[in-house]
Every structure is written in structure tokens, then in C-alpha cells.
Amino acid sequence: MRLTKGISRAIRANTVFNFVIKNALYCVLKLLFSTYRLRVSYGPGVKQPLSKQEGVFYFWHQQIIAGMFFFHTLKSQGACVVSSSGDGKIAGYLCQRLGFTVLYGSSFKGPVALVRSALDQLNGNRRLCMVGDGSRGPALVLQPGIMYLAEKVGVPVVFIDCKPQWAFTFTKSWDQFKLPLPFSIIQVTVNSPQHVRPSSSS
């Protein structure tokens, strides 16, 4: 295990190899995206196109690929929060290539700076995309930071449920991460905006 982690760190430290891997992953992701099909349903009160809807949008960590495809397809990328870990930097690179503005940070690393950046983004653009259960979980449990940001700026919280028709599930991952298989239909439900009462953030 230590040897594997050491090799992984060495790979991430190799700038050239890191660049090649990130671009290869981007090409694979774009190829997969070209095979997916999107079906979207909107809850009451959701503005269309989605780019006009204010709020803190979130989906679960296991749905990251499907969620990225959804925002990219609708050209409603906006800003998103990505973990500042080594793997997070790779994910952040992919998000940037897909048109997102990336804010790096987490509740474990640089939380104060992240909150400031997120508030600046929300105050300016009124839209932010986040992973609801964060980078470490627990899975499918909404982290309180999302409610805090929404209440602080006065924008609603919008849950986006992204369910691929066919997916490979990484059963040993903490979140049961799902990789949509080629030619899968991605069924997305944009739920009604939920306004946060000040008392819920105390």
C-alpha cells in the first residue's frame, strides 16, 4: 500500500506525465460525452434556460460525471468548487476544459479562503455548483456549508439529481461512484429551488 501511494505521488509530481494523463482523461471524457443522451425534467419554479436560475446547485459525489455532462450540455457551467487534493486538481483541470470556473478548496484544506471565494462568486454571479456530500462524505448527506453560502447571499439551494441509465459502480469507493457507460441516457431532475431561512444556518 505504501509503495502504491509512493508511485502515485511520484506520478503526480512528474509535470510532463501529469499533463499527458490529464489530457488523455479529457479526451476519454469528451468521447464518452459524445455518446450520452440527456433527458431533463424541471420542478416548479425553476427558471429556463438554467443559466438564468440563481442559486447554489448541488449533486452527489457519485454523480459527478453525469453532473458535469448535464451542465456542459446545457452550457450552464458557471463556477464550481473542487477539492484541492491531488486527485481534485485533475478533476479541476477537466472542469476547466469543460468550461467551468474552478474554485479550489474543501472543509479540510483552506476552508476560510474557499468560503471567501465562494461568497465573492455568489455575490457577483449569483450561481455556484458544488458536490453536496463533499470529497469525503458521508455519502448522500448534504454538507452544511452549502446551506450557509445560500443563506448568506440570499439565493436558493437547487438539488440536481443525475441518474445514468447504465453505469459501472465502483463498489469499494466511499460514495459508490458511478461511471455512466457509453450510450447511456442521463436522466436529470432539476428540483424546485429551496430558499434557506436564516434560522437553519445557526
Protein backbone atom coordinates (compact mmCIF):
# COMPACT_ATOMS: atom_id res chain seq x y z
CA MET A 1 0.00 0.00 0.00
CA ARG A 2 2.79 2.45 0.89
CA LEU A 3 4.59 1.57 -2.34
CA THR A 4 1.41 2.22 -4.37
CA LYS A 5 0.90 5.59 -2.69
CA GLY A 6 4.53 6.45 -3.30
CA ILE A 7 4.19 5.67 -7.00
CA SER A 8 1.00 7.71 -7.19
CA ARG A 9 2.71 10.70 -5.61
CA ALA A 10 5.65 10.35 -7.96
CA ILE A 11 3.33 10.34 -10.98
CA ARG A 12 1.55 13.49 -9.79
CA ALA A 13 4.93 15.14 -9.21
CA ASN A 14 6.03 14.43 -12.79
CA THR A 15 4.81 17.51 -14.66
CA VAL A 16 5.03 16.03 -18.16
CA PHE A 17 3.36 12.76 -17.22
CA ASN A 18 0.70 14.65 -15.29
CA PHE A 19 -0.04 16.81 -18.33
CA VAL A 20 -0.32 13.76 -20.61
CA ILE A 21 -2.62 11.91 -18.20
CA LYS A 22 -4.92 14.90 -17.69
CA ASN A 23 -5.29 15.48 -21.42
CA ALA A 24 -5.83 11.78 -22.07
CA LEU A 25 -8.58 11.74 -19.44
CA TYR A 26 -10.16 14.81 -21.02
CA CYS A 27 -10.20 13.13 -24.44
CA VAL A 28 -11.79 10.00 -22.98
CA LEU A 29 -14.36 12.12 -21.16
CA LYS A 30 -15.28 14.04 -24.31
CA LEU A 31 -15.59 10.78 -26.21
CA LEU A 32 -17.94 9.40 -23.57
CA PHE A 33 -19.93 12.64 -23.58
CA SER A 34 -20.45 12.32 -27.32
CA THR A 35 -22.31 9.02 -26.74
CA TYR A 36 -24.52 10.12 -23.85
CA ARG A 37 -28.08 11.37 -24.26
CA LEU A 38 -29.77 13.79 -21.90
CA ARG A 39 -33.32 13.80 -20.56
CA VAL A 40 -34.21 16.66 -18.23
CA SER A 41 -37.27 17.41 -16.12
CA TYR A 42 -37.74 20.62 -14.15
CA GLY A 43 -39.51 21.11 -10.86
CA PRO A 44 -41.92 24.02 -10.29
CA GLY A 45 -40.22 27.40 -10.05
CA VAL A 46 -37.04 26.54 -11.97
CA LYS A 47 -36.13 29.25 -14.48
CA GLN A 48 -35.26 28.20 -18.03
CA PRO A 49 -32.74 28.30 -19.53
CA LEU A 50 -30.94 27.15 -16.41
CA SER A 51 -28.28 29.84 -16.88
CA LYS A 52 -30.93 32.33 -15.64
CA GLN A 53 -31.58 30.43 -12.42
CA GLU A 54 -29.82 31.82 -9.35
CA GLY A 55 -28.69 29.51 -6.60
CA VAL A 56 -26.21 27.08 -5.13
CA PHE A 57 -26.62 23.97 -7.29
CA TYR A 58 -25.51 20.60 -5.99
CA PHE A 59 -25.45 16.94 -6.93
CA TRP A 60 -23.93 13.96 -5.12
CA HIS A 61 -20.29 12.94 -5.43
CA GLN A 62 -21.24 9.64 -7.07
CA GLN A 63 -22.93 11.64 -9.86
CA ILE A 64 -20.00 13.91 -10.77
CA ILE A 65 -19.57 12.64 -14.34
CA ALA A 66 -23.29 12.80 -15.09
CA GLY A 67 -23.49 16.23 -13.47
CA MET A 68 -20.60 17.61 -15.48
CA PHE A 69 -22.21 16.30 -18.65
CA PHE A 70 -25.50 17.97 -17.76
CA PHE A 71 -24.04 21.43 -17.12
CA HIS A 72 -21.72 21.19 -20.12
CA THR A 73 -24.52 20.15 -22.47
CA LEU A 74 -26.82 22.97 -21.33
CA LYS A 75 -23.91 25.45 -21.48
CA SER A 76 -24.69 26.49 -17.91
CA GLN A 77 -21.32 25.69 -16.39
CA GLY A 78 -20.67 28.72 -14.18
CA ALA A 79 -18.33 28.26 -11.21
CA CYS A 80 -17.79 25.06 -9.28
CA VAL A 81 -15.95 24.05 -6.11
CA VAL A 82 -13.34 21.30 -6.44
CA SER A 83 -11.17 19.64 -3.81
CA SER A 84 -7.62 20.94 -3.57
CA SER A 85 -6.20 17.39 -3.27
CA GLY A 86 -4.05 15.84 -5.98
CA ASP A 87 -7.00 14.00 -7.49
CA GLY A 88 -9.07 17.15 -7.12
CA LYS A 89 -6.57 19.09 -9.20
CA ILE A 90 -7.08 16.58 -12.02
CA ALA A 91 -10.85 16.93 -11.68
CA GLY A 92 -10.43 20.70 -11.65
CA TYR A 93 -8.45 20.59 -14.87
CA LEU A 94 -11.21 18.58 -16.54
CA CYS A 95 -13.83 21.03 -15.29
CA GLN A 96 -11.85 23.98 -16.66
CA ARG A 97 -11.55 22.30 -20.05
CA LEU A 98 -15.32 21.80 -19.99
CA GLY A 99 -15.93 25.50 -19.41
CA PHE A 100 -16.29 25.77 -15.63
CA THR A 101 -14.65 28.39 -13.46
CA VAL A 102 -12.93 26.36 -10.74
CA LEU A 103 -12.59 27.30 -7.08
CA TYR A 104 -10.19 25.00 -5.22
CA GLY A 105 -10.66 24.13 -1.57
CA SER A 106 -12.55 21.98 0.91
CA SER A 107 -13.73 21.89 4.51
CA PHE A 108 -10.44 20.14 5.32
CA LYS A 109 -7.98 22.34 3.44
CA GLY A 110 -8.24 26.11 3.29
CA PRO A 111 -11.91 26.36 4.33
CA VAL A 112 -11.78 30.09 5.14
CA ALA A 113 -10.27 31.05 1.79
CA LEU A 114 -12.75 28.81 -0.01
CA VAL A 115 -15.73 30.40 1.73
CA ARG A 116 -14.49 33.86 0.80
CA SER A 117 -14.02 32.86 -2.85
CA ALA A 118 -17.43 31.17 -2.96
CA LEU A 119 -19.13 34.22 -1.44
CA ASP A 120 -17.39 36.51 -3.92
CA GLN A 121 -18.56 34.29 -6.77
CA LEU A 122 -22.13 34.17 -5.50
CA ASN A 123 -22.29 37.90 -4.84
CA GLY A 124 -21.08 38.57 -8.37
CA ASN A 125 -22.77 35.89 -10.48
CA ARG A 126 -25.44 34.51 -8.12
CA ARG A 127 -24.65 30.95 -9.22
CA LEU A 128 -22.35 28.24 -7.86
CA CYS A 129 -22.13 24.46 -8.37
CA MET A 130 -20.98 22.17 -5.56
CA VAL A 131 -20.81 18.49 -4.64
CA GLY A 132 -23.45 18.05 -1.96
CA ASP A 133 -21.65 15.48 0.16
CA GLY A 134 -18.16 16.87 -0.44
CA SER A 135 -14.98 14.99 -1.28
CA ARG A 136 -15.04 12.65 1.73
CA GLY A 137 -18.67 12.18 2.64
CA PRO A 138 -20.58 10.77 4.36
CA ALA A 139 -22.28 9.82 1.12
CA LEU A 140 -25.64 11.37 0.24
CA VAL A 141 -25.53 13.67 3.29
CA LEU A 142 -25.72 17.38 2.49
CA GLN A 143 -22.86 19.36 3.98
CA PRO A 144 -23.90 22.44 5.98
CA GLY A 145 -21.58 24.77 4.06
CA ILE A 146 -23.95 24.74 1.10
CA MET A 147 -26.86 25.99 3.20
CA TYR A 148 -24.61 28.58 4.83
CA LEU A 149 -23.50 30.05 1.50
CA ALA A 150 -27.04 30.16 0.13
CA GLU A 151 -28.41 31.85 3.26
CA LYS A 152 -25.53 34.32 3.44
CA VAL A 153 -26.05 35.60 -0.11
CA GLY A 154 -29.82 35.14 -0.27
CA VAL A 155 -30.01 32.64 -3.12
CA PRO A 156 -31.88 29.31 -3.14
CA VAL A 157 -30.44 25.82 -2.99
CA VAL A 158 -31.17 23.69 -6.04
CA PHE A 159 -30.68 19.91 -5.95
CA ILE A 160 -29.89 18.32 -9.31
CA ASP A 161 -30.39 14.56 -9.38
CA CYS A 162 -28.40 12.91 -12.19
CA LYS A 163 -29.12 9.24 -12.81
CA PRO A 164 -27.42 7.38 -15.68
CA GLN A 165 -29.42 4.61 -17.34
CA TRP A 166 -26.39 2.32 -17.33
CA ALA A 167 -23.32 2.82 -15.18
CA PHE A 168 -20.34 1.00 -13.76
CA THR A 169 -20.39 1.37 -9.97
CA PHE A 170 -17.12 1.44 -8.04
CA THR A 171 -18.44 -0.56 -5.10
CA LYS A 172 -15.29 -0.12 -2.98
CA SER A 173 -15.40 3.68 -3.14
CA TRP A 174 -16.91 5.58 -0.21
CA ASP A 175 -19.69 7.03 -2.37
CA GLN A 176 -20.37 4.11 -4.74
CA PHE A 177 -19.05 6.30 -7.57
CA LYS A 178 -20.90 5.79 -10.87
CA LEU A 179 -19.28 5.99 -14.30
CA PRO A 180 -22.04 6.22 -16.94
CA LEU A 181 -21.44 3.65 -19.65
CA PRO A 182 -21.27 4.63 -23.34
CA PHE A 183 -24.64 5.40 -24.98
CA SER A 184 -26.33 5.73 -21.62
CA ILE A 185 -29.26 8.09 -21.15
CA ILE A 186 -28.61 10.57 -18.35
CA GLN A 187 -31.91 11.31 -16.61
CA VAL A 188 -31.67 14.63 -14.78
CA THR A 189 -34.23 16.14 -12.42
CA VAL A 190 -33.71 19.80 -11.54
CA ASN A 191 -35.64 20.12 -8.31
CA SER A 192 -37.51 23.23 -7.22
CA PRO A 193 -35.35 25.99 -5.67
CA GLN A 194 -35.40 25.84 -1.88
CA HIS A 195 -34.91 29.12 -0.03
CA VAL A 196 -32.95 28.88 3.19
CA ARG A 197 -34.33 30.50 6.30
CA PRO A 198 -31.74 32.33 8.43
CA SER A 199 -32.54 30.13 11.43
CA SER A 200 -31.48 26.97 9.54
CA SER A 201 -27.86 28.15 9.31
CA SER A 202 -27.45 28.81 13.01
